[in-house]
Protein backbone atom coordinates (compact mmCIF):
# COMPACT_ATOMS: atom_id res chain seq x y z
CA MET A 1 -6.42 18.63 -34.17
CA ALA A 2 -8.29 19.13 -30.89
CA THR A 3 -6.23 19.46 -27.73
CA PRO A 4 -6.67 16.29 -25.64
CA LYS A 5 -8.42 16.57 -22.31
CA THR A 6 -6.26 16.36 -19.20
CA PHE A 7 -6.74 14.49 -15.93
CA ALA A 8 -5.38 14.50 -12.40
CA ILE A 9 -5.76 11.84 -9.72
CA ARG A 10 -5.48 12.59 -6.01
CA THR A 11 -4.96 9.51 -3.85
CA PHE A 12 -5.75 8.98 -0.18
CA GLY A 13 -4.85 5.76 1.62
CA CYS A 14 -2.81 2.60 1.36
CA GLN A 15 -0.68 0.95 -1.33
CA MET A 16 -3.80 -0.75 -2.66
CA ASN A 17 -5.24 2.72 -3.33
CA GLU A 18 -1.96 3.86 -4.91
CA HIS A 19 -2.06 0.89 -7.25
CA ASP A 20 -5.73 1.50 -8.06
CA SER A 21 -4.78 5.08 -8.97
CA GLU A 22 -2.07 3.80 -11.31
CA ARG A 23 -4.66 1.64 -13.02
CA LEU A 24 -7.13 4.53 -13.18
CA ALA A 25 -4.42 6.61 -14.83
CA GLY A 26 -3.90 3.82 -17.37
CA LEU A 27 -7.61 3.84 -18.15
CA MET A 28 -7.62 7.61 -18.60
CA VAL A 29 -4.63 7.50 -20.96
CA ALA A 30 -6.21 4.64 -22.91
CA ASP A 31 -9.31 6.83 -23.26
CA GLY A 32 -7.28 9.58 -24.89
CA LEU A 33 -6.59 11.87 -21.92
CA VAL A 34 -3.17 13.10 -20.83
CA ARG A 35 -1.97 13.80 -17.31
CA ALA A 36 -2.25 17.47 -16.32
CA THR A 37 0.86 19.37 -15.24
CA ASN A 38 -1.25 21.29 -12.71
CA ASP A 39 -4.13 19.60 -10.89
CA ASP A 40 -6.26 22.76 -10.78
CA GLU A 41 -6.03 23.10 -14.56
CA ALA A 42 -7.14 19.50 -15.25
CA ASP A 43 -10.31 18.82 -17.21
CA VAL A 44 -11.01 15.80 -15.00
CA ILE A 45 -10.05 15.49 -11.33
CA ILE A 46 -10.49 12.07 -9.70
CA PHE A 47 -10.29 11.46 -5.96
CA ASN A 48 -9.38 7.88 -5.09
CA THR A 49 -10.39 7.64 -1.45
CA CYS A 50 -9.67 5.75 1.74
CA THR A 51 -11.94 5.30 4.73
CA ILE A 52 -9.77 3.49 7.26
CA ARG A 53 -9.63 6.54 9.54
CA GLU A 54 -11.92 9.49 10.10
CA ASN A 55 -9.35 12.05 8.99
CA ALA A 56 -9.46 10.53 5.48
CA ASP A 57 -13.15 11.52 5.28
CA LEU A 58 -12.37 15.01 6.51
CA LYS A 59 -9.53 15.42 4.00
CA LEU A 60 -11.78 14.48 1.09
CA TYR A 61 -14.64 16.84 1.95
CA SER A 62 -12.16 19.62 2.63
CA ALA A 63 -10.55 19.06 -0.78
CA LEU A 64 -13.95 18.96 -2.48
CA GLY A 65 -14.92 22.20 -0.76
CA GLN A 66 -11.82 23.88 -2.13
CA LEU A 67 -12.86 22.87 -5.65
CA LYS A 68 -16.37 24.35 -5.45
CA ALA A 69 -15.33 27.82 -6.61
CA LEU A 70 -13.15 26.34 -9.36
CA LYS A 71 -16.09 24.28 -10.60
CA GLU A 72 -18.24 27.42 -10.72
CA GLN A 73 -15.57 29.16 -12.82
CA ARG A 74 -15.09 26.10 -15.06
CA PRO A 75 -18.40 24.20 -15.18
CA GLU A 76 -17.09 21.96 -17.98
CA MET A 77 -14.51 20.51 -15.55
CA GLN A 78 -15.49 17.10 -14.15
CA ILE A 79 -14.95 15.87 -10.60
CA ALA A 80 -15.14 12.18 -9.73
CA VAL A 81 -14.89 10.41 -6.37
CA GLY A 82 -14.04 6.70 -6.22
CA GLY A 83 -12.62 4.13 -3.84
CA CYS A 84 -13.47 3.00 -0.33
CA MET A 85 -15.11 6.15 0.95
CA ALA A 86 -17.29 6.37 -2.15
CA GLN A 87 -18.32 2.76 -1.56
CA LYS A 88 -19.26 3.65 2.03
CA ASP A 89 -20.93 7.06 1.59
CA ARG A 90 -22.52 6.51 -1.83
CA GLY A 91 -25.15 9.20 -2.51
CA GLU A 92 -24.15 11.16 0.58
CA ILE A 93 -21.18 12.54 -1.36
CA LEU A 94 -23.46 14.32 -3.83
CA ALA A 95 -25.66 15.49 -0.97
CA ARG A 96 -22.66 17.15 0.66
CA ALA A 97 -20.87 18.23 -2.54
CA ALA A 98 -23.43 18.71 -5.32
CA TRP A 99 -20.69 19.89 -7.73
CA VAL A 100 -19.29 16.33 -7.97
CA ASP A 101 -20.10 14.70 -11.33
CA VAL A 102 -19.40 10.99 -10.74
CA VAL A 103 -19.24 8.68 -7.72
CA PHE A 104 -18.00 5.09 -8.21
CA GLY A 105 -16.94 2.43 -5.73
CA THR A 106 -14.23 -0.14 -5.14
CA HIS A 107 -15.85 -2.77 -7.36
CA ASN A 108 -16.17 -0.82 -10.61
CA LEU A 109 -13.01 1.19 -11.12
CA ALA A 110 -12.97 0.08 -14.75
CA SER A 111 -16.24 1.93 -15.32
CA ALA A 112 -14.75 5.36 -14.53
CA PRO A 113 -14.17 6.49 -18.16
CA SER A 114 -17.67 5.47 -19.31
CA LEU A 115 -19.29 7.07 -16.26
CA LEU A 116 -17.49 10.34 -16.96
CA LYS A 117 -18.74 10.31 -20.55
CA ARG A 118 -22.30 9.55 -19.45
CA SER A 119 -22.29 12.30 -16.85
CA ARG A 120 -21.56 14.90 -19.55
CA LEU A 121 -24.92 13.96 -21.08
CA GLU A 122 -26.98 12.86 -18.09
CA GLY A 123 -25.63 14.95 -15.21
CA PRO A 124 -24.28 13.70 -11.85
CA LEU A 125 -24.09 9.90 -11.54
CA VAL A 126 -23.64 7.51 -8.62
CA GLU A 127 -22.81 3.90 -9.50
CA ILE A 128 -21.86 1.60 -6.62
CA LEU A 129 -21.74 -2.18 -7.01
CA ASP A 130 -22.26 -4.39 -3.96
CA ALA A 131 -19.89 -7.04 -5.30
CA PRO A 132 -17.07 -7.11 -7.85
CA ASP A 133 -17.99 -7.43 -11.51
CA PRO A 134 -15.27 -9.71 -12.92
CA GLU A 135 -16.19 -8.94 -16.54
CA ALA A 136 -16.16 -5.16 -16.04
CA ASN A 137 -12.77 -5.25 -14.31
CA ARG A 138 -11.15 -7.97 -16.43
CA GLU A 139 -9.15 -5.69 -18.67
CA MET A 140 -7.81 -3.43 -15.94
CA ALA A 141 -6.65 -6.12 -13.52
CA PRO A 142 -3.04 -6.48 -14.75
CA ALA A 143 -0.49 -4.03 -13.37
CA LEU A 144 0.97 -4.04 -16.88
CA TYR A 145 -1.62 -1.51 -18.01
CA ALA A 146 -1.06 0.89 -15.13
CA VAL A 147 0.68 4.25 -15.49
CA ARG A 148 3.39 3.81 -12.87
CA GLU A 149 5.50 6.35 -11.01
CA LEU A 150 8.60 4.17 -11.35
CA ASP A 151 9.32 2.29 -14.58
CA PHE A 152 11.30 -0.44 -12.81
CA ALA A 153 8.86 -1.20 -9.95
CA ALA A 154 5.29 -2.41 -10.06
CA TRP A 155 2.53 -3.61 -7.76
CA ILE A 156 0.58 -6.80 -8.48
CA THR A 157 -2.77 -7.25 -6.77
CA ILE A 158 -3.25 -10.95 -6.02
CA GLN A 159 -6.55 -10.71 -4.14
CA THR A 160 -9.28 -8.24 -3.28
CA GLY A 161 -11.40 -8.04 -0.16
CA CYS A 162 -10.93 -9.58 3.26
CA ASP A 163 -12.58 -12.42 5.21
CA ASN A 164 -11.35 -11.32 8.63
CA SER A 165 -13.54 -9.51 11.15
CA CYS A 166 -11.18 -7.18 13.01
CA ALA A 167 -13.30 -5.00 15.31
CA PHE A 168 -11.70 -1.74 14.15
CA CYS A 169 -11.62 -2.32 10.40
CA ILE A 170 -14.14 -1.25 7.79
CA VAL A 171 -12.33 -2.81 4.82
CA PRO A 172 -14.49 -5.99 4.55
CA SER A 173 -17.66 -3.92 4.28
CA VAL A 174 -16.31 -1.68 1.50
CA ARG A 175 -14.12 -4.13 -0.43
CA GLY A 176 -16.10 -7.31 0.22
CA GLY A 177 -14.89 -10.84 0.92
CA GLU A 178 -11.64 -12.33 -0.33
CA ILE A 179 -11.41 -13.07 -4.04
CA SER A 180 -8.11 -14.47 -5.30
CA ARG A 181 -6.88 -13.89 -8.83
CA PRO A 182 -5.89 -17.03 -10.78
CA PHE A 183 -2.38 -18.31 -10.02
CA ASP A 184 -1.29 -18.61 -13.66
CA ASP A 185 -2.56 -15.08 -14.47
CA LEU A 186 -0.31 -13.64 -11.77
CA VAL A 187 2.79 -15.47 -13.01
CA GLU A 188 2.02 -14.36 -16.57
CA GLU A 189 1.57 -10.77 -15.39
CA ALA A 190 4.94 -10.82 -13.60
CA THR A 191 6.55 -12.26 -16.74
CA MET A 192 5.13 -9.48 -18.91
CA LEU A 193 6.19 -6.84 -16.38
CA ALA A 194 9.74 -8.22 -16.40
CA ARG A 195 9.79 -8.04 -20.20
CA SER A 196 8.71 -4.39 -19.98
CA GLY A 197 11.71 -3.54 -17.77
CA VAL A 198 10.32 -4.08 -14.27
CA SER A 199 12.79 -5.65 -11.85
CA GLU A 200 10.92 -5.23 -8.53
CA ILE A 201 7.34 -6.25 -7.78
CA THR A 202 5.31 -5.77 -4.63
CA VAL A 203 2.52 -8.28 -4.12
CA LEU A 204 -0.64 -6.68 -2.71
CA GLY A 205 -3.62 -8.04 -0.82
CA GLN A 206 -5.60 -7.35 2.34
CA ASN A 207 -4.27 -10.65 3.72
CA VAL A 208 -1.75 -12.12 1.28
CA ASN A 209 -1.11 -15.13 3.54
CA SER A 210 -4.61 -16.41 2.80
CA TYR A 211 -4.21 -16.08 -0.97
CA GLY A 212 -5.88 -18.93 -2.82
CA ARG A 213 -7.91 -20.46 -0.04
CA ASP A 214 -11.07 -19.51 -1.94
CA ILE A 215 -9.93 -21.34 -5.08
CA THR A 216 -8.12 -24.43 -3.78
CA LYS A 217 -7.85 -26.65 -0.72
CA ARG A 218 -4.43 -27.95 -1.68
CA GLY A 219 -2.37 -26.13 0.88
CA PRO A 220 -0.52 -22.83 1.31
CA LEU A 221 -0.84 -21.37 -2.18
CA PHE A 222 0.87 -18.10 -1.21
CA ALA A 223 4.16 -19.91 -0.56
CA GLN A 224 3.88 -21.55 -3.98
CA LEU A 225 3.15 -18.18 -5.56
CA LEU A 226 6.26 -16.59 -4.03
CA ARG A 227 8.40 -19.39 -5.43
CA ALA A 228 6.78 -19.15 -8.87
CA LEU A 229 7.23 -15.38 -9.03
CA GLY A 230 10.82 -15.83 -7.92
CA ASP A 231 11.41 -18.06 -10.97
CA VAL A 232 10.36 -15.31 -13.39
CA GLU A 233 13.43 -14.18 -15.35
CA GLY A 234 14.18 -10.50 -14.78
CA ILE A 235 12.32 -10.17 -11.47
CA GLU A 236 15.11 -9.48 -8.98
CA ARG A 237 13.14 -8.30 -5.95
CA ILE A 238 9.79 -9.37 -4.53
CA ARG A 239 8.07 -7.72 -1.58
CA PHE A 240 4.56 -8.26 -0.23
CA THR A 241 2.01 -6.59 2.00
CA SER A 242 0.06 -7.10 4.11
CA PRO A 243 0.22 -10.50 5.78
CA HIS A 244 -1.89 -11.42 8.81
CA PRO A 245 0.08 -12.96 11.71
CA LYS A 246 -2.52 -15.68 12.33
CA ASP A 247 -2.05 -16.95 8.77
CA LEU A 248 1.75 -16.76 8.52
CA ARG A 249 2.58 -20.38 7.79
CA PRO A 250 5.94 -22.19 8.09
CA GLU A 251 5.72 -22.86 4.35
CA THR A 252 5.65 -19.13 3.64
CA ILE A 253 8.64 -18.49 5.87
CA ALA A 254 10.51 -21.29 4.08
CA ALA A 255 9.60 -19.84 0.68
CA MET A 256 10.91 -16.44 1.76
CA ALA A 257 14.16 -17.95 2.97
CA GLN A 258 14.71 -20.16 -0.08
CA THR A 259 13.58 -17.83 -2.90
CA GLU A 260 16.46 -15.52 -3.80
CA ALA A 261 14.26 -12.78 -5.26
CA VAL A 262 12.10 -12.44 -2.14
CA CYS A 263 13.48 -9.55 -0.10
CA ASN A 264 14.65 -9.84 3.50
CA GLN A 265 11.68 -7.82 4.68
CA LEU A 266 8.52 -8.78 6.58
CA HIS A 267 5.66 -6.52 7.51
CA LEU A 268 3.86 -8.24 10.41
CA PRO A 269 1.09 -6.12 12.02
CA LEU A 270 1.00 -6.51 15.81
CA GLN A 271 -1.66 -3.84 16.61
CA SER A 272 -1.39 -4.41 20.40
CA GLY A 273 0.85 -6.14 22.93
CA SER A 274 -2.05 -7.01 25.24
CA ASN A 275 -3.81 -10.35 24.86
CA ARG A 276 -7.08 -8.93 26.17
CA VAL A 277 -6.97 -6.05 23.69
CA LEU A 278 -6.05 -8.41 20.84
CA ALA A 279 -9.08 -10.54 21.72
CA ALA A 280 -11.31 -7.45 21.78
CA MET A 281 -9.87 -6.48 18.41
CA ARG A 282 -10.76 -9.99 17.13
CA ARG A 283 -7.26 -10.45 15.74
CA GLY A 284 -7.12 -14.24 16.10
CA TYR A 285 -3.71 -14.58 17.74
CA SER A 286 -2.04 -14.02 21.11
CA VAL A 287 1.12 -12.08 21.90
CA GLU A 288 2.91 -15.37 22.49
CA ARG A 289 1.86 -16.76 19.12
CA TYR A 290 2.88 -13.53 17.38
CA LEU A 291 6.33 -13.54 18.99
CA GLN A 292 6.81 -17.19 18.04
CA ARG A 293 6.00 -16.41 14.40
CA LEU A 294 8.43 -13.49 14.56
CA SER A 295 11.14 -15.67 16.06
CA ASP A 296 10.59 -18.39 13.44
CA ALA A 297 10.91 -15.84 10.63
CA ARG A 298 14.07 -14.26 12.01
CA GLU A 299 15.67 -17.64 12.58
CA ALA A 300 14.95 -18.83 9.04
CA ILE A 301 15.57 -15.63 7.02
CA GLU A 302 19.02 -14.10 7.16
CA ASP A 303 19.26 -10.37 7.97
CA LEU A 304 15.48 -9.96 8.13
CA ALA A 305 13.99 -6.49 8.62
CA VAL A 306 10.61 -6.48 10.37
CA THR A 307 8.06 -3.67 10.37
CA THR A 308 4.65 -3.57 12.02
CA ASP A 309 1.38 -1.72 12.60
CA LEU A 310 0.22 -0.53 16.02
CA ILE A 311 -3.02 1.07 17.21
CA VAL A 312 -2.99 3.39 20.23
CA GLY A 313 -6.15 3.97 22.25
CA PHE A 314 -8.34 1.04 21.23
CA PRO A 315 -11.55 1.21 23.33
CA GLY A 316 -10.98 -0.08 26.85
CA GLU A 317 -7.17 -0.11 26.60
CA SER A 318 -5.92 0.46 30.15
CA ASP A 319 -2.64 1.99 31.26
CA ALA A 320 -1.39 -1.46 32.23
CA GLU A 321 -2.35 -2.93 28.85
CA PHE A 322 -0.59 -0.13 27.02
CA ASP A 323 2.50 -0.80 29.15
CA GLU A 324 2.28 -4.42 27.94
CA THR A 325 2.39 -3.12 24.38
CA LEU A 326 5.47 -1.03 25.16
CA ALA A 327 7.20 -4.08 26.61
CA VAL A 328 6.41 -6.27 23.59
CA VAL A 329 7.50 -3.55 21.14
CA ALA A 330 10.77 -3.09 23.01
CA ALA A 331 11.42 -6.85 22.99
CA ALA A 332 10.51 -7.24 19.31
CA GLU A 333 13.06 -4.61 18.19
CA PHE A 334 11.16 -3.58 15.06
CA ASP A 335 12.99 -1.82 12.25
CA SER A 336 10.10 0.62 11.91
CA ALA A 337 6.36 0.84 12.49
CA TYR A 338 3.20 2.51 11.29
CA THR A 339 1.46 3.84 14.38
CA PHE A 340 -2.18 4.89 14.35
CA ILE A 341 -4.55 6.53 16.79
CA PHE A 342 -7.78 4.56 17.06
CA SER A 343 -10.44 5.98 14.76
CA PRO A 344 -14.03 4.70 15.16
CA ARG A 345 -15.48 3.75 11.79
CA PRO A 346 -19.28 3.51 11.45
CA GLY A 347 -20.51 -0.06 11.21
CA THR A 348 -17.54 -1.65 12.98
CA ARG A 349 -17.74 -3.37 16.37
CA ALA A 350 -15.24 -0.97 17.92
CA ALA A 351 -17.29 2.08 16.93
CA ALA A 352 -20.08 0.85 19.20
CA MET A 353 -17.77 0.69 22.25
CA THR A 354 -18.46 4.33 23.03
CA ASN A 355 -18.41 3.87 26.80
CA ASP A 356 -14.84 2.58 26.58
CA PHE A 357 -13.30 5.27 24.36
CA VAL A 358 -9.93 6.43 25.68
CA ALA A 359 -9.52 10.17 26.36
CA SER A 360 -7.65 12.06 23.65
CA ASP A 361 -5.05 13.51 26.02
CA VAL A 362 -4.27 9.98 27.28
CA ILE A 363 -3.92 8.71 23.71
CA LYS A 364 -1.59 11.57 22.80
CA GLU A 365 0.70 10.84 25.76
CA ARG A 366 0.74 7.11 24.95
CA PHE A 367 1.45 7.80 21.30
CA GLU A 368 4.55 9.82 22.17
CA ARG A 369 5.82 7.14 24.54
CA LEU A 370 5.36 4.46 21.90
CA LYS A 371 7.14 6.56 19.29
CA ALA A 372 10.12 6.96 21.61
CA VAL A 373 10.46 3.18 22.05
CA LEU A 374 10.12 2.56 18.32
CA ASP A 375 12.63 5.27 17.41
CA ARG A 376 15.18 3.80 19.82
CA SER A 377 14.98 0.33 18.29
CA ALA A 378 14.98 1.73 14.73
CA LEU A 379 18.08 3.80 15.47
CA ARG A 380 19.88 0.82 17.03
CA ARG A 381 19.11 -1.39 14.06
CA HIS A 382 20.20 1.28 11.58
CA GLU A 383 23.40 2.11 13.44
CA ALA A 384 24.23 -1.61 13.41
CA ARG A 385 24.30 -1.43 9.61
CA VAL A 386 27.09 1.19 9.51
CA GLY A 387 30.11 -0.30 7.76
CA ARG A 388 28.02 -2.71 5.68
CA ARG A 389 27.91 -2.71 1.89
CA GLU A 390 24.30 -2.73 0.73
CA GLU A 391 22.75 -3.62 -2.61
CA VAL A 392 20.60 -0.59 -3.45
CA LEU A 393 17.95 -0.19 -6.14
CA VAL A 394 18.20 3.49 -7.07
CA GLU A 395 14.86 5.34 -7.10
CA GLY A 396 16.17 8.71 -8.27
CA THR A 397 17.27 12.07 -6.93
CA SER A 398 16.50 12.75 -3.27
CA ARG A 399 13.42 14.91 -2.81
CA ARG A 400 15.26 17.10 -0.31
CA ASN A 401 18.68 17.42 -1.91
CA ASP A 402 19.44 17.38 -5.65
CA ALA A 403 23.04 16.42 -4.91
CA MET A 404 21.91 13.13 -3.36
CA LEU A 405 20.42 9.94 -4.79
CA SER A 406 17.92 7.80 -2.91
CA GLY A 407 17.22 4.10 -3.08
CA ARG A 408 16.12 1.03 -1.15
CA THR A 409 18.12 -1.85 0.24
CA ARG A 410 16.83 -5.41 0.07
CA GLN A 411 15.48 -4.84 3.59
CA GLY A 412 13.39 -1.95 2.29
CA LYS A 413 15.49 0.65 4.07
CA LEU A 414 15.72 4.11 2.55
CA ILE A 415 19.30 5.19 1.92
CA HIS A 416 20.62 8.52 0.60
CA PHE A 417 24.08 8.91 -0.93
CA PRO A 418 25.95 11.65 -2.86
CA VAL A 419 25.86 11.71 -6.65
CA THR A 420 29.38 10.74 -7.64
CA ASP A 421 28.62 8.85 -10.86
CA GLU A 422 26.46 10.65 -13.42
CA SER A 423 25.59 7.33 -15.08
CA LEU A 424 23.52 6.30 -12.07
CA ARG A 425 19.83 6.62 -12.89
CA ALA A 426 16.54 5.40 -11.47
CA GLY A 427 16.41 1.64 -11.88
CA SER A 428 20.17 1.17 -11.51
CA LEU A 429 21.40 -1.44 -9.06
CA ALA A 430 24.38 -0.22 -7.04
CA LEU A 431 26.55 -1.18 -4.10
CA VAL A 432 26.55 1.50 -1.40
CA ASP A 433 28.58 1.60 1.83
CA VAL A 434 26.56 2.66 4.88
CA VAL A 435 28.26 5.48 6.80
CA HIS A 436 25.48 6.70 9.10
CA GLY A 437 22.27 5.39 10.60
CA ALA A 438 19.29 7.57 11.62
CA PRO A 439 15.88 6.41 12.89
CA TYR A 440 14.16 6.73 9.50
CA HIS A 441 16.94 6.38 6.93
CA LEU A 442 20.57 5.52 6.21
CA LEU A 443 23.35 7.60 4.67
CA GLY A 444 25.91 6.01 2.41
CA GLU A 445 28.69 6.38 -0.14
CA PHE A 446 28.56 4.94 -3.64
CA SER A 447 30.89 1.96 -4.14
CA SER A 448 30.17 0.47 -7.56
CA LEU A 449 27.53 -0.11 -10.21
CA VAL A 450 26.06 -3.61 -10.36
CA ARG A 451 23.96 -2.96 -13.43
CA ALA A 452 22.35 -0.09 -15.34
CA PRO A 453 18.56 0.23 -15.60
CA ARG A 454 17.03 -2.60 -17.57
CA HIS A 455 15.76 -1.79 -21.05
CA ARG A 456 12.12 -0.76 -21.03
CA VAL A 457 9.83 -2.21 -23.67
CA ARG A 458 6.64 -0.28 -24.35
CA ILE A 459 3.52 -2.41 -23.99
CA PRO A 460 0.06 -1.29 -25.24
CA LEU A 461 -2.06 0.03 -22.39
CA LEU A 462 -5.10 -2.11 -23.15
CA HIS A 463 -6.02 -5.01 -25.36
CA SER A 464 -7.31 -3.83 -28.72
């Protein structure tokens, strides 16, 4: 019997990219390949790319450059590049890295196995679709067929694309406009995932709050979806990302508060604390409106943890406007934040504001000041949890210390605690007492086991 070919997938970017990589892995396995134990020894190496920031482009071409010599030594090895950057750069990838075999975009991930087979016969191929092909992607849409890192947790993509026009964002041009998946398909997918042993799902979309507005005019469909997913037997935790503040409706807040499975966690991107900068970013809300939405959510949802996104150095941002951001961030008391340095992306409005670019040394100083404010609020909020007993979904052994387990609270907080019960495994639900709070994690002590990992039922990767 011939030894099966092996594959490796290297992922750059957001959770949407991570989920796409899981689905790509499922397609590779369904095509008879097995995951390589060492990336450099793989028969097929796939790069699933991001293009939100310039350093993502640089990372890809650097990684491709490192593979050139390996490709010369092993010409039968195949290299594929997919995802957002492939959608953007198209044939330029082969022009810069002629040793790449296949380039595919965001709209035809399902074509990756067939493109790899064709390239063995025809040579290097570039196939980029300008819009999604529902038929080509139909069989790979469900998260059920993905090869997941964690058996008990899964992502569900509820929409692709984005209809917003944020001045700094290239996503609409590479992923297209919003397309919502059918409501009943999503509930069925969650039901099948629960039957396969999944207890936590994370709902994904570029703007989950606007889910369904392209398929119905009957009101806030996302709130209805949260409630329906919460009714699925076996699904104990539901998270979602990313919502847009301008579309966060009272109905969604109510659904979060009233649906037991929905976690006490809200990611609400602020981006800037200056109304002028927000207008230049084309974000569609003011600081005042954002803070009101935040206040409404915290009032309605008990023990809510709130995280955010912030951009430092958007073109034209003055010292005074950055100080406004610091003041808003301090008042908001976020649990944590993803902070980004502005990166001009070709084709976006902000990239054309070259006369207003902020000096790099100014951005660096602002970034450090913002981090200090965020770390202070994160530390305060974590220290306030000392003495509490948290429900923790165990993810496995800590990456830094084999004597410790790691898991997540319902607020999404990372907590480490000593291994004192050998029966605790990934997927277990445990009660853990918090004994220490740090800016980026909690430390705890195991109290008791709530339940062991749920039984996993193997489901075929693809329809026969």
